[in-house]
Amino acid sequence: MLLYLFRHGVAIDPADPECPPDAERPLTREGIEKTRLAARGLRKLGVKPDLILSSPLVRAIETAEIVARELGWAKEKIHRTAALEPDSDPAELLKELARLKKESVLCAGHAPHLDELIARAVGVRVAFTGLKKAGAACLEFASPASSRGVLLWLLPPKVLRQLEG
């Protein structure tokens, strides 16, 4: 199974007096544009997930919708899961992926959760990556039921955007 991890784009600053509660923080105009261009980089890499999962937080949902559109998916096919919430245990997402039995899944989520998931999948105790906003990583698992994988690549958003150009 291939697991693509995509961190949400730049969202409204929590220190902004107009900022809604954390779960409702949307992407900024800049965040939308940079996410769109990074998602086009995924398309250039040939990313074709069987399923797109998203954290239920607004900024992740908006990110998943942008990625879906750029990959030719209808946003109605995006599935929200609590296993991608920022404070969830990465093991819960791995269990969910095993139940889904898909060959390729893209997840839109948050830091440090996605970095913790990478660490767990490769068998280390602490996160060693720092996925940037609108950045992506790809893990390969022997099967959907496997909880151990190999990190194939991790790309910052700037590199993804350059792939499109």
Foldseek 3Di string as FASTA:
>chain_A
DKEKEFEFFAWDDPVPPPADPQLATAHDPVRLVLLLLLLLLCVLVVADAPAEEEASRRRQLSSSCSSCVSNVHHSVRYHYDPCQAAPHALVVVLVVQLVVFTQYYYYYHHPPSVQCLLCQQQPHDDRPDDADHSWMWMWDDPTSNDSHTDTPDTGHSVVSSVSND
